[in-house]
Amino acid sequence: MYEYFPRKVTKYLKLSYQWRPEPPSDIKYSWISGRLHLQREAQEKYLHQIAIRKVGTIEWRLFNFTQAGTIDELEQPAAYEFKARCKTISATSLWSLWSHVNYVPPELIYKLQIHTPVIKLLTDPGIRSVFIHWEAVNDSRHDRTRYNITIERLPAKPRNVNTIQVDRENYHLQLSQAPYKVRVQAYNSVSCSPASEIAISPYNPIELRNKITATALGNDSLFISWNPMKGKRTKHVIDWGPVIGNQTHITHSKVIPKELQNYTLMGQFNPKQRYRIMLHKRAKKRQELTPPIEVTIGIVDVYTVEGSM
């Protein structure tokens, strides 16, 4: 004998077996050019619903996505908060409960204001103390702002760049007399500000003048020599470039890996042009993320063969 269930009762029994997933707690989010990007990597496909609002407001705005989605038309820079729920796509299920509320700090859209660096000569005339500082970014209530500092020794080469991270609004460097470029940008868990940069010009202290010698060998080479230096250094670096007015323009750099006492620079040198040669000693890095220890040991000016008037 078969027992008969009315249609409404059968429908109720089916609904009673519907599965309700757990609220999503692993949604990743980040700012991309004023738009909030959300993504969830899950083994099973879900339909997600996001309720989002600007911090300090009441009304929630609903938004749907599957594995990834982008919410645009958001006010910038402003902090937002969102909660999420989900249900499976492959099988019938109920919506999960709403997740906890996630706080999204404002996107960092402005460049930092870097103040004029404070530069002092140390006891050794071949090293400068450089103190850089910048305007702080206001920390959000749940996400502290940090800073990337990129120190690039010029002329630019891939190995001449070092990046460090700090959680304060200043940094102290010890640099040689060579030219440098310093870039600073703020970052938090969801965004990174545009980079601001300052130039550290080369400096030529009188104490280092004529500590090396330079002799022109025509217009295509310069012979550089210096006295042997004490200490466990690993290489020399020679910088050179034209002097225009009172400004030194370092345009070339050559790393000499061996412990030599002279070197011949090959290149095309213009007649009647004054060139400035800078010689540095460079040690191994103490730490991978800091610039190598470099000391300027000599500076000299030289002219190549004079041209006709």
C-alpha atoms as a PDB file:
ATOM      1  CA  MET A   1       0.000   0.000   0.000  1.00  0.00           C
ATOM      2  CA  TYR A   2       1.451   3.350  -1.034  1.00  0.00           C
ATOM      3  CA  GLU A   3       1.116   6.329   1.224  1.00  0.00           C
ATOM      4  CA  TYR A   4       0.066   9.494  -0.557  1.00  0.00           C
ATOM      5  CA  PHE A   5       1.599  12.870   0.276  1.00  0.00           C
ATOM      6  CA  PRO A   6      -0.024  16.028  -0.989  1.00  0.00           C
ATOM      7  CA  ARG A   7       2.100  18.139  -3.403  1.00  0.00           C
ATOM      8  CA  LYS A   8       2.660  20.854  -0.793  1.00  0.00           C
ATOM      9  CA  VAL A   9       4.010  18.306   1.707  1.00  0.00           C
ATOM     10  CA  THR A  10       6.371  16.817  -0.914  1.00  0.00           C
ATOM     11  CA  LYS A  11       7.703  20.262  -1.719  1.00  0.00           C
ATOM     12  CA  TYR A  12       8.289  20.904   1.980  1.00  0.00           C
ATOM     13  CA  LEU A  13      10.243  17.648   2.354  1.00  0.00           C
ATOM     14  CA  LYS A  14      12.511  18.561  -0.544  1.00  0.00           C
ATOM     15  CA  LEU A  15      13.209  21.990   0.886  1.00  0.00           C
ATOM     16  CA  SER A  16      14.014  20.460   4.268  1.00  0.00           C
ATOM     17  CA  TYR A  17      17.025  18.705   2.694  1.00  0.00           C
ATOM     18  CA  GLN A  18      18.477  21.813   1.074  1.00  0.00           C
ATOM     19  CA  TRP A  19      22.065  22.514   2.106  1.00  0.00           C
ATOM     20  CA  ARG A  20      23.237  25.826   3.542  1.00  0.00           C
ATOM     21  CA  PRO A  21      26.969  26.552   3.065  1.00  0.00           C
ATOM     22  CA  GLU A  22      29.150  28.318   5.592  1.00  0.00           C
ATOM     23  CA  PRO A  23      29.496  32.110   5.219  1.00  0.00           C
ATOM     24  CA  PRO A  24      32.489  33.035   3.016  1.00  0.00           C
ATOM     25  CA  SER A  25      35.431  34.197   5.102  1.00  0.00           C
ATOM     26  CA  ASP A  26      38.261  34.000   2.538  1.00  0.00           C
ATOM     27  CA  ILE A  27      37.332  36.666  -0.010  1.00  0.00           C
ATOM     28  CA  LYS A  28      40.387  38.645  -1.124  1.00  0.00           C
ATOM     29  CA  TYR A  29      39.940  42.293  -2.023  1.00  0.00           C
ATOM     30  CA  SER A  30      42.061  45.150  -3.379  1.00  0.00           C
ATOM     31  CA  TRP A  31      41.730  48.555  -5.000  1.00  0.00           C
ATOM     32  CA  ILE A  32      42.516  48.842  -8.723  1.00  0.00           C
ATOM     33  CA  SER A  33      42.224  52.386 -10.130  1.00  0.00           C
ATOM     34  CA  GLY A  34      39.230  53.374  -8.014  1.00  0.00           C
ATOM     35  CA  ARG A  35      37.447  50.045  -8.379  1.00  0.00           C
ATOM     36  CA  LEU A  36      37.203  47.390  -5.686  1.00  0.00           C
ATOM     37  CA  HIS A  37      38.222  43.966  -6.961  1.00  0.00           C
ATOM     38  CA  LEU A  38      36.985  40.866  -5.091  1.00  0.00           C
ATOM     39  CA  GLN A  39      38.057  37.278  -5.608  1.00  0.00           C
ATOM     40  CA  ARG A  40      37.503  33.942  -3.932  1.00  0.00           C
ATOM     41  CA  GLU A  41      39.345  30.752  -4.775  1.00  0.00           C
ATOM     42  CA  ALA A  42      37.134  27.836  -3.744  1.00  0.00           C
ATOM     43  CA  GLN A  43      36.996  24.198  -4.878  1.00  0.00           C
ATOM     44  CA  GLU A  44      33.279  24.406  -5.534  1.00  0.00           C
ATOM     45  CA  LYS A  45      31.641  27.153  -7.573  1.00  0.00           C
ATOM     46  CA  TYR A  46      29.481  29.542  -5.605  1.00  0.00           C
ATOM     47  CA  LEU A  47      27.274  32.479  -6.374  1.00  0.00           C
ATOM     48  CA  HIS A  48      28.259  35.291  -4.041  1.00  0.00           C
ATOM     49  CA  GLN A  49      26.290  38.306  -2.953  1.00  0.00           C
ATOM     50  CA  ILE A  50      28.091  41.304  -1.525  1.00  0.00           C
ATOM     51  CA  ALA A  51      26.473  44.001   0.584  1.00  0.00           C
ATOM     52  CA  ILE A  52      28.730  47.066   0.600  1.00  0.00           C
ATOM     53  CA  ARG A  53      28.501  50.582   2.001  1.00  0.00           C
ATOM     54  CA  LYS A  54      30.720  53.540   2.701  1.00  0.00           C
ATOM     55  CA  VAL A  55      31.897  53.662   6.304  1.00  0.00           C
ATOM     56  CA  GLY A  56      29.598  55.933   8.310  1.00  0.00           C
ATOM     57  CA  THR A  57      26.544  55.392   6.077  1.00  0.00           C
ATOM     58  CA  ILE A  58      23.515  53.149   6.604  1.00  0.00           C
ATOM     59  CA  GLU A  59      22.318  51.887   3.220  1.00  0.00           C
ATOM     60  CA  TRP A  60      23.849  48.697   1.818  1.00  0.00           C
ATOM     61  CA  ARG A  61      24.392  48.222  -1.919  1.00  0.00           C
ATOM     62  CA  LEU A  62      24.062  44.641  -3.264  1.00  0.00           C
ATOM     63  CA  PHE A  63      26.396  43.134  -5.829  1.00  0.00           C
ATOM     64  CA  ASN A  64      26.657  39.581  -7.255  1.00  0.00           C
ATOM     65  CA  PHE A  65      29.679  37.666  -8.563  1.00  0.00           C
ATOM     66  CA  THR A  66      30.865  34.061  -8.920  1.00  0.00           C
ATOM     67  CA  GLN A  67      34.631  33.623  -8.487  1.00  0.00           C
ATOM     68  CA  ALA A  68      35.690  37.238  -9.096  1.00  0.00           C
ATOM     69  CA  GLY A  69      34.061  40.601  -9.566  1.00  0.00           C
ATOM     70  CA  THR A  70      34.679  44.349  -9.588  1.00  0.00           C
ATOM     71  CA  ILE A  71      32.603  47.072  -7.946  1.00  0.00           C
ATOM     72  CA  ASP A  72      32.918  50.499  -9.530  1.00  0.00           C
ATOM     73  CA  GLU A  73      31.327  53.930  -8.970  1.00  0.00           C
ATOM     74  CA  LEU A  74      32.742  54.115  -5.456  1.00  0.00           C
ATOM     75  CA  GLU A  75      33.757  57.370  -3.811  1.00  0.00           C
ATOM     76  CA  GLN A  76      37.512  57.925  -3.586  1.00  0.00           C
ATOM     77  CA  PRO A  77      39.405  58.124  -1.389  1.00  0.00           C
ATOM     78  CA  ALA A  78      37.008  56.648   1.150  1.00  0.00           C
ATOM     79  CA  ALA A  79      36.822  53.622   3.427  1.00  0.00           C
ATOM     80  CA  TYR A  80      34.192  50.950   2.824  1.00  0.00           C
ATOM     81  CA  GLU A  81      32.894  47.883   4.560  1.00  0.00           C
ATOM     82  CA  PHE A  82      31.209  44.809   3.130  1.00  0.00           C
ATOM     83  CA  LYS A  83      29.701  41.508   4.156  1.00  0.00           C
ATOM     84  CA  ALA A  84      29.126  38.476   1.968  1.00  0.00           C
ATOM     85  CA  ARG A  85      26.995  35.391   1.628  1.00  0.00           C
ATOM     86  CA  CYS A  86      27.006  32.527  -0.884  1.00  0.00           C
ATOM     87  CA  LYS A  87      25.189  29.509  -2.258  1.00  0.00           C
ATOM     88  CA  THR A  88      26.296  26.703  -4.529  1.00  0.00           C
ATOM     89  CA  ILE A  89      25.774  26.838  -8.285  1.00  0.00           C
ATOM     90  CA  SER A  90      26.104  23.113  -9.037  1.00  0.00           C
ATOM     91  CA  ALA A  91      23.298  22.061  -6.659  1.00  0.00           C
ATOM     92  CA  THR A  92      20.261  23.672  -5.107  1.00  0.00           C
ATOM     93  CA  SER A  93      21.100  25.259  -1.800  1.00  0.00           C
ATOM     94  CA  LEU A  94      20.036  28.006   0.524  1.00  0.00           C
ATOM     95  CA  TRP A  95      21.948  31.250   0.933  1.00  0.00           C
ATOM     96  CA  SER A  96      24.495  31.071   3.712  1.00  0.00           C
ATOM     97  CA  LEU A  97      24.275  33.441   6.612  1.00  0.00           C
ATOM     98  CA  TRP A  98      26.008  36.802   6.161  1.00  0.00           C
ATOM     99  CA  SER A  99      29.713  36.827   6.937  1.00  0.00           C
ATOM    100  CA  HIS A 100      31.346  39.193   9.371  1.00  0.00           C
ATOM    101  CA  VAL A 101      31.831  42.754   8.142  1.00  0.00           C
ATOM    102  CA  ASN A 102      35.147  43.367   6.349  1.00  0.00           C
ATOM    103  CA  TYR A 103      36.772  46.786   6.616  1.00  0.00           C
ATOM    104  CA  VAL A 104      38.358  48.152   3.401  1.00  0.00           C
ATOM    105  CA  PRO A 105      40.757  51.067   4.007  1.00  0.00           C
ATOM    106  CA  PRO A 106      40.814  53.946   1.511  1.00  0.00           C
ATOM    107  CA  GLU A 107      42.794  53.583  -1.684  1.00  0.00           C
ATOM    108  CA  LEU A 108      46.121  55.426  -1.561  1.00  0.00           C
ATOM    109  CA  ILE A 109      45.786  57.678  -4.608  1.00  0.00           C
ATOM    110  CA  TYR A 110      48.013  60.647  -3.739  1.00  0.00           C
ATOM    111  CA  LYS A 111      51.788  60.969  -4.008  1.00  0.00           C
ATOM    112  CA  LEU A 112      53.700  61.475  -0.791  1.00  0.00           C
ATOM    113  CA  GLN A 113      55.271  64.857  -0.143  1.00  0.00           C
ATOM    114  CA  ILE A 114      58.985  64.307   0.403  1.00  0.00           C
ATOM    115  CA  HIS A 115      60.798  67.106   2.216  1.00  0.00           C
ATOM    116  CA  THR A 116      64.226  68.362   1.196  1.00  0.00           C
ATOM    117  CA  PRO A 117      66.720  65.792   2.481  1.00  0.00           C
ATOM    118  CA  VAL A 118      69.156  66.734   5.239  1.00  0.00           C
ATOM    119  CA  ILE A 119      72.660  65.922   3.979  1.00  0.00           C
ATOM    120  CA  LYS A 120      75.764  66.038   6.172  1.00  0.00           C
ATOM    121  CA  LEU A 121      79.352  64.983   5.585  1.00  0.00           C
ATOM    122  CA  LEU A 122      80.694  62.392   7.971  1.00  0.00           C
ATOM    123  CA  THR A 123      84.227  62.298   9.339  1.00  0.00           C
ATOM    124  CA  ASP A 124      85.230  60.315   6.282  1.00  0.00           C
ATOM    125  CA  PRO A 125      84.825  62.783   3.368  1.00  0.00           C
ATOM    126  CA  GLY A 126      83.849  59.925   1.067  1.00  0.00           C
ATOM    127  CA  ILE A 127      80.520  59.226   2.839  1.00  0.00           C
ATOM    128  CA  ARG A 128      77.420  61.374   3.277  1.00  0.00           C
ATOM    129  CA  SER A 129      74.708  61.096   5.905  1.00  0.00           C
ATOM    130  CA  VAL A 130      71.362  61.538   4.121  1.00  0.00           C
ATOM    131  CA  PHE A 131      68.170  61.868   6.170  1.00  0.00           C
ATOM    132  CA  ILE A 132      64.915  61.762   4.174  1.00  0.00           C
ATOM    133  CA  HIS A 133      61.447  62.324   5.602  1.00  0.00           C
ATOM    134  CA  TRP A 134      57.956  62.743   4.205  1.00  0.00           C
ATOM    135  CA  GLU A 135      54.403  63.590   5.189  1.00  0.00           C
ATOM    136  CA  ALA A 136      52.645  60.736   6.956  1.00  0.00           C
ATOM    137  CA  VAL A 137      49.551  59.033   5.597  1.00  0.00           C
ATOM    138  CA  ASN A 138      46.807  58.858   8.210  1.00  0.00           C
ATOM    139  CA  ASP A 139      46.513  55.307   9.477  1.00  0.00           C
ATOM    140  CA  SER A 140      43.110  53.700   9.223  1.00  0.00           C
ATOM    141  CA  ARG A 141      41.500  52.105  12.219  1.00  0.00           C
ATOM    142  CA  HIS A 142      42.336  48.539  11.146  1.00  0.00           C
ATOM    143  CA  ASP A 143      45.152  48.807   8.596  1.00  0.00           C
ATOM    144  CA  ARG A 144      48.476  50.509   9.225  1.00  0.00           C
ATOM    145  CA  THR A 145      50.191  52.290   6.343  1.00  0.00           C
ATOM    146  CA  ARG A 146      53.780  51.306   5.525  1.00  0.00           C
ATOM    147  CA  TYR A 147      56.318  52.619   3.046  1.00  0.00           C
ATOM    148  CA  ASN A 148      58.520  51.237   0.286  1.00  0.00           C
ATOM    149  CA  ILE A 149      61.829  53.049  -0.221  1.00  0.00           C
ATOM    150  CA  THR A 150      63.740  52.398  -3.451  1.00  0.00           C
ATOM    151  CA  ILE A 151      67.356  53.574  -3.546  1.00  0.00           C
ATOM    152  CA  GLU A 152      68.822  53.683  -7.043  1.00  0.00           C
ATOM    153  CA  ARG A 153      72.453  54.494  -7.628  1.00  0.00           C
ATOM    154  CA  LEU A 154      73.045  56.361 -10.877  1.00  0.00           C
ATOM    155  CA  PRO A 155      73.763  55.819 -13.703  1.00  0.00           C
ATOM    156  CA  ALA A 156      70.835  53.435 -13.631  1.00  0.00           C
ATOM    157  CA  LYS A 157      71.562  49.727 -13.905  1.00  0.00           C
ATOM    158  CA  PRO A 158      69.425  46.765 -12.764  1.00  0.00           C
ATOM    159  CA  ARG A 159      71.852  45.831  -9.964  1.00  0.00           C
ATOM    160  CA  ASN A 160      71.988  49.401  -8.673  1.00  0.00           C
ATOM    161  CA  VAL A 161      68.464  49.277  -7.187  1.00  0.00           C
ATOM    162  CA  ASN A 162      67.627  48.306  -3.602  1.00  0.00           C
ATOM    163  CA  THR A 163      64.207  48.361  -1.934  1.00  0.00           C
ATOM    164  CA  ILE A 164      63.429  48.363   1.778  1.00  0.00           C
ATOM    165  CA  GLN A 165      60.202  48.571   3.796  1.00  0.00           C
ATOM    166  CA  VAL A 166      59.675  50.781   6.853  1.00  0.00           C
ATOM    167  CA  ASP A 167      56.716  51.629   9.083  1.00  0.00           C
ATOM    168  CA  ARG A 168      57.791  55.200   9.891  1.00  0.00           C
ATOM    169  CA  GLU A 169      57.877  58.474   7.946  1.00  0.00           C
ATOM    170  CA  ASN A 170      61.668  58.846   7.697  1.00  0.00           C
ATOM    171  CA  TYR A 171      64.818  56.944   6.849  1.00  0.00           C
ATOM    172  CA  HIS A 172      68.536  57.505   7.335  1.00  0.00           C
ATOM    173  CA  LEU A 173      71.049  56.555   4.633  1.00  0.00           C
ATOM    174  CA  GLN A 174      74.823  56.574   4.369  1.00  0.00           C
ATOM    175  CA  LEU A 175      75.786  57.141   0.734  1.00  0.00           C
ATOM    176  CA  SER A 176      78.941  57.769  -1.219  1.00  0.00           C
ATOM    177  CA  GLN A 177      79.442  60.982  -3.184  1.00  0.00           C
ATOM    178  CA  ALA A 178      77.921  59.395  -6.308  1.00  0.00           C
ATOM    179  CA  PRO A 179      74.482  60.472  -7.630  1.00  0.00           C
ATOM    180  CA  TYR A 180      71.384  58.654  -6.383  1.00  0.00           C
ATOM    181  CA  LYS A 181      67.641  58.645  -6.863  1.00  0.00           C
ATOM    182  CA  VAL A 182      65.278  57.823  -3.985  1.00  0.00           C
ATOM    183  CA  ARG A 183      61.629  56.860  -4.489  1.00  0.00           C
ATOM    184  CA  VAL A 184      59.047  56.495  -1.720  1.00  0.00           C
ATOM    185  CA  GLN A 185      55.517  55.133  -1.914  1.00  0.00           C
ATOM    186  CA  ALA A 186      52.950  54.246   0.722  1.00  0.00           C
ATOM    187  CA  TYR A 187      51.101  50.936   0.812  1.00  0.00           C
ATOM    188  CA  ASN A 188      48.515  49.148   2.908  1.00  0.00           C
ATOM    189  CA  SER A 189      46.765  45.792   2.587  1.00  0.00           C
ATOM    190  CA  VAL A 190      44.687  46.828  -0.432  1.00  0.00           C
ATOM    191  CA  SER A 191      46.563  49.498  -2.404  1.00  0.00           C
ATOM    192  CA  CYS A 192      49.818  51.287  -3.146  1.00  0.00           C
ATOM    193  CA  SER A 193      50.263  55.018  -3.752  1.00  0.00           C
ATOM    194  CA  PRO A 194      52.037  56.516  -6.786  1.00  0.00           C
ATOM    195  CA  ALA A 195      55.794  56.861  -6.195  1.00  0.00           C
ATOM    196  CA  SER A 196      57.402  60.177  -5.282  1.00  0.00           C
ATOM    197  CA  GLU A 197      61.092  60.632  -5.974  1.00  0.00           C
ATOM    198  CA  ILE A 198      63.971  62.959  -5.173  1.00  0.00           C
ATOM    199  CA  ALA A 199      67.463  63.197  -6.638  1.00  0.00           C
ATOM    200  CA  ILE A 200      70.640  63.158  -4.553  1.00  0.00           C
ATOM    201  CA  SER A 201      73.195  65.034  -6.669  1.00  0.00           C
ATOM    202  CA  PRO A 202      76.858  63.987  -6.781  1.00  0.00           C
ATOM    203  CA  TYR A 203      79.080  65.884  -4.380  1.00  0.00           C
ATOM    204  CA  ASN A 204      82.742  66.770  -4.793  1.00  0.00           C
ATOM    205  CA  PRO A 205      84.398  67.611  -1.438  1.00  0.00           C
ATOM    206  CA  ILE A 206      87.714  69.399  -1.696  1.00  0.00           C
ATOM    207  CA  GLU A 207      89.370  66.732   0.514  1.00  0.00           C
ATOM    208  CA  LEU A 208      89.011  64.169  -2.281  1.00  0.00           C
ATOM    209  CA  ARG A 209      90.390  66.325  -5.076  1.00  0.00           C
ATOM    210  CA  ASN A 210      93.390  64.850  -6.908  1.00  0.00           C
ATOM    211  CA  LYS A 211      93.483  61.695  -4.767  1.00  0.00           C
ATOM    212  CA  ILE A 212      93.562  59.878  -8.092  1.00  0.00           C
ATOM    213  CA  THR A 213      95.233  60.734 -11.386  1.00  0.00           C
ATOM    214  CA  ALA A 214      93.770  60.795 -14.891  1.00  0.00           C
ATOM    215  CA  THR A 215      95.655  61.129 -18.166  1.00  0.00           C
ATOM    216  CA  ALA A 216      94.059  61.502 -21.581  1.00  0.00           C
ATOM    217  CA  LEU A 217      95.297  59.069 -24.225  1.00  0.00           C
ATOM    218  CA  GLY A 218      93.794  60.860 -27.180  1.00  0.00           C
ATOM    219  CA  ASN A 219      90.049  61.391 -27.530  1.00  0.00           C
ATOM    220  CA  ASP A 220      89.070  57.759 -27.060  1.00  0.00           C
ATOM    221  CA  SER A 221      90.570  56.728 -23.720  1.00  0.00           C
ATOM    222  CA  LEU A 222      91.543  57.920 -20.238  1.00  0.00           C
ATOM    223  CA  PHE A 223      94.135  56.260 -18.021  1.00  0.00           C
ATOM    224  CA  ILE A 224      93.098  56.293 -14.317  1.00  0.00           C
ATOM    225  CA  SER A 225      95.429  55.313 -11.462  1.00  0.00           C
ATOM    226  CA  TRP A 226      95.286  55.406  -7.658  1.00  0.00           C
ATOM    227  CA  ASN A 227      97.128  54.246  -4.564  1.00  0.00           C
ATOM    228  CA  PRO A 228      96.283  50.832  -3.079  1.00  0.00           C
ATOM    229  CA  MET A 229      93.698  50.996  -0.305  1.00  0.00           C
ATOM    230  CA  LYS A 230      93.651  49.080   2.964  1.00  0.00           C
ATOM    231  CA  GLY A 231      90.637  47.039   3.997  1.00  0.00           C
ATOM    232  CA  LYS A 232      88.801  44.020   2.731  1.00  0.00           C
ATOM    233  CA  ARG A 233      86.946  45.651  -0.135  1.00  0.00           C
ATOM    234  CA  THR A 234      85.910  43.685  -3.172  1.00  0.00           C
ATOM    235  CA  LYS A 235      85.736  46.069  -6.122  1.00  0.00           C
ATOM    236  CA  HIS A 236      86.174  49.587  -7.448  1.00  0.00           C
ATOM    237  CA  VAL A 237      83.589  51.677  -9.250  1.00  0.00           C
ATOM    238  CA  ILE A 238      84.565  54.462 -11.648  1.00  0.00           C
ATOM    239  CA  ASP A 239      82.007  57.150 -12.592  1.00  0.00           C
ATOM    240  CA  TRP A 240      82.628  59.799 -15.215  1.00  0.00           C
ATOM    241  CA  GLY A 241      80.828  62.462 -17.175  1.00  0.00           C
ATOM    242  CA  PRO A 242      81.111  66.047 -18.447  1.00  0.00           C
ATOM    243  CA  VAL A 243      81.194  69.136 -16.230  1.00  0.00           C
ATOM    244  CA  ILE A 244      78.779  71.714 -17.649  1.00  0.00           C
ATOM    245  CA  GLY A 245      78.901  75.035 -15.839  1.00  0.00           C
ATOM    246  CA  ASN A 246      79.175  74.110 -12.175  1.00  0.00           C
ATOM    247  CA  GLN A 247      77.178  70.901 -12.518  1.00  0.00           C
ATOM    248  CA  THR A 248      78.624  67.397 -12.720  1.00  0.00           C
ATOM    249  CA  HIS A 249      76.722  65.130 -15.112  1.00  0.00           C
ATOM    250  CA  ILE A 250      77.683  61.531 -14.395  1.00  0.00           C
ATOM    251  CA  THR A 251      76.750  59.610 -17.536  1.00  0.00           C
ATOM    252  CA  HIS A 252      78.845  56.431 -17.322  1.00  0.00           C
ATOM    253  CA  SER A 253      79.810  53.963 -14.635  1.00  0.00           C
ATOM    254  CA  LYS A 254      82.183  51.002 -14.692  1.00  0.00           C
ATOM    255  CA  VAL A 255      82.533  48.311 -12.026  1.00  0.00           C
ATOM    256  CA  ILE A 256      86.040  46.864 -11.727  1.00  0.00           C
ATOM    257  CA  PRO A 257      85.752  43.542  -9.906  1.00  0.00           C
ATOM    258  CA  LYS A 258      89.477  42.969  -9.279  1.00  0.00           C
ATOM    259  CA  GLU A 259      91.738  44.751  -6.792  1.00  0.00           C
ATOM    260  CA  LEU A 260      93.511  46.876  -9.388  1.00  0.00           C
ATOM    261  CA  GLN A 261      95.445  50.143  -9.017  1.00  0.00           C
ATOM    262  CA  ASN A 262      94.764  51.513 -12.499  1.00  0.00           C
ATOM    263  CA  TYR A 263      92.298  51.210 -15.308  1.00  0.00           C
ATOM    264  CA  THR A 264      91.883  52.556 -18.847  1.00  0.00           C
ATOM    265  CA  LEU A 265      88.473  53.983 -19.686  1.00  0.00           C
ATOM    266  CA  MET A 266      87.526  53.472 -23.308  1.00  0.00           C
ATOM    267  CA  GLY A 267      85.005  55.723 -25.022  1.00  0.00           C
ATOM    268  CA  GLN A 268      84.515  58.792 -27.141  1.00  0.00           C
ATOM    269  CA  PHE A 269      85.556  61.970 -25.308  1.00  0.00           C
ATOM    270  CA  ASN A 270      84.884  65.385 -26.865  1.00  0.00           C
ATOM    271  CA  PRO A 271      87.794  67.779 -27.382  1.00  0.00           C
ATOM    272  CA  LYS A 272      88.039  70.811 -25.054  1.00  0.00           C
ATOM    273  CA  GLN A 273      85.451  69.274 -22.735  1.00  0.00           C
ATOM    274  CA  ARG A 274      86.198  68.940 -19.029  1.00  0.00           C
ATOM    275  CA  TYR A 275      85.360  65.520 -17.602  1.00  0.00           C
ATOM    276  CA  ARG A 276      85.043  64.595 -13.943  1.00  0.00           C
ATOM    277  CA  ILE A 277      86.219  61.192 -12.759  1.00  0.00           C
ATOM    278  CA  MET A 278      85.042  59.733  -9.444  1.00  0.00           C
ATOM    279  CA  LEU A 279      86.532  56.587  -7.925  1.00  0.00           C
ATOM    280  CA  HIS A 280      84.710  54.573  -5.259  1.00  0.00           C
ATOM    281  CA  LYS A 281      85.453  51.495  -3.186  1.00  0.00           C
ATOM    282  CA  ARG A 282      82.529  49.144  -2.719  1.00  0.00           C
ATOM    283  CA  ALA A 283      82.218  46.395  -0.109  1.00  0.00           C
ATOM    284  CA  LYS A 284      79.840  43.466  -0.002  1.00  0.00           C
ATOM    285  CA  LYS A 285      76.333  44.057   1.234  1.00  0.00           C
ATOM    286  CA  ARG A 286      75.777  43.571   4.936  1.00  0.00           C
ATOM    287  CA  GLN A 287      72.154  42.745   4.266  1.00  0.00           C
ATOM    288  CA  GLU A 288      70.440  41.808   1.046  1.00  0.00           C
ATOM    289  CA  LEU A 289      67.930  44.660   1.218  1.00  0.00           C
ATOM    290  CA  THR A 290      70.312  47.524   1.957  1.00  0.00           C
ATOM    291  CA  PRO A 291      72.618  49.384  -0.457  1.00  0.00           C
ATOM    292  CA  PRO A 292      76.203  48.106  -0.596  1.00  0.00           C
ATOM    293  CA  ILE A 293      78.726  50.012   1.504  1.00  0.00           C
ATOM    294  CA  GLU A 294      80.435  52.413  -0.870  1.00  0.00           C
ATOM    295  CA  VAL A 295      83.068  55.062  -0.118  1.00  0.00           C
ATOM    296  CA  THR A 296      84.284  57.695  -2.564  1.00  0.00           C
ATOM    297  CA  ILE A 297      88.106  57.757  -2.448  1.00  0.00           C
ATOM    298  CA  GLY A 298      89.066  60.238  -5.143  1.00  0.00           C
ATOM    299  CA  ILE A 299      87.882  62.874  -7.622  1.00  0.00           C
ATOM    300  CA  VAL A 300      89.788  64.446 -10.500  1.00  0.00           C
ATOM    301  CA  ASP A 301      89.042  66.580 -13.561  1.00  0.00           C
ATOM    302  CA  VAL A 302      90.666  65.982 -16.916  1.00  0.00           C
ATOM    303  CA  TYR A 303      90.595  67.338 -20.471  1.00  0.00           C
ATOM    304  CA  THR A 304      91.167  65.229 -23.538  1.00  0.00           C
ATOM    305  CA  VAL A 305      93.297  66.376 -26.494  1.00  0.00           C
ATOM    306  CA  GLU A 306      92.332  69.934 -27.295  1.00  0.00           C
ATOM    307  CA  GLY A 307      90.605  70.574 -30.600  1.00  0.00           C
ATOM    308  CA  SER A 308      91.390  73.357 -33.085  1.00  0.00           C
ATOM    309  CA  MET A 309      89.648  76.719 -32.799  1.00  0.00           C
END
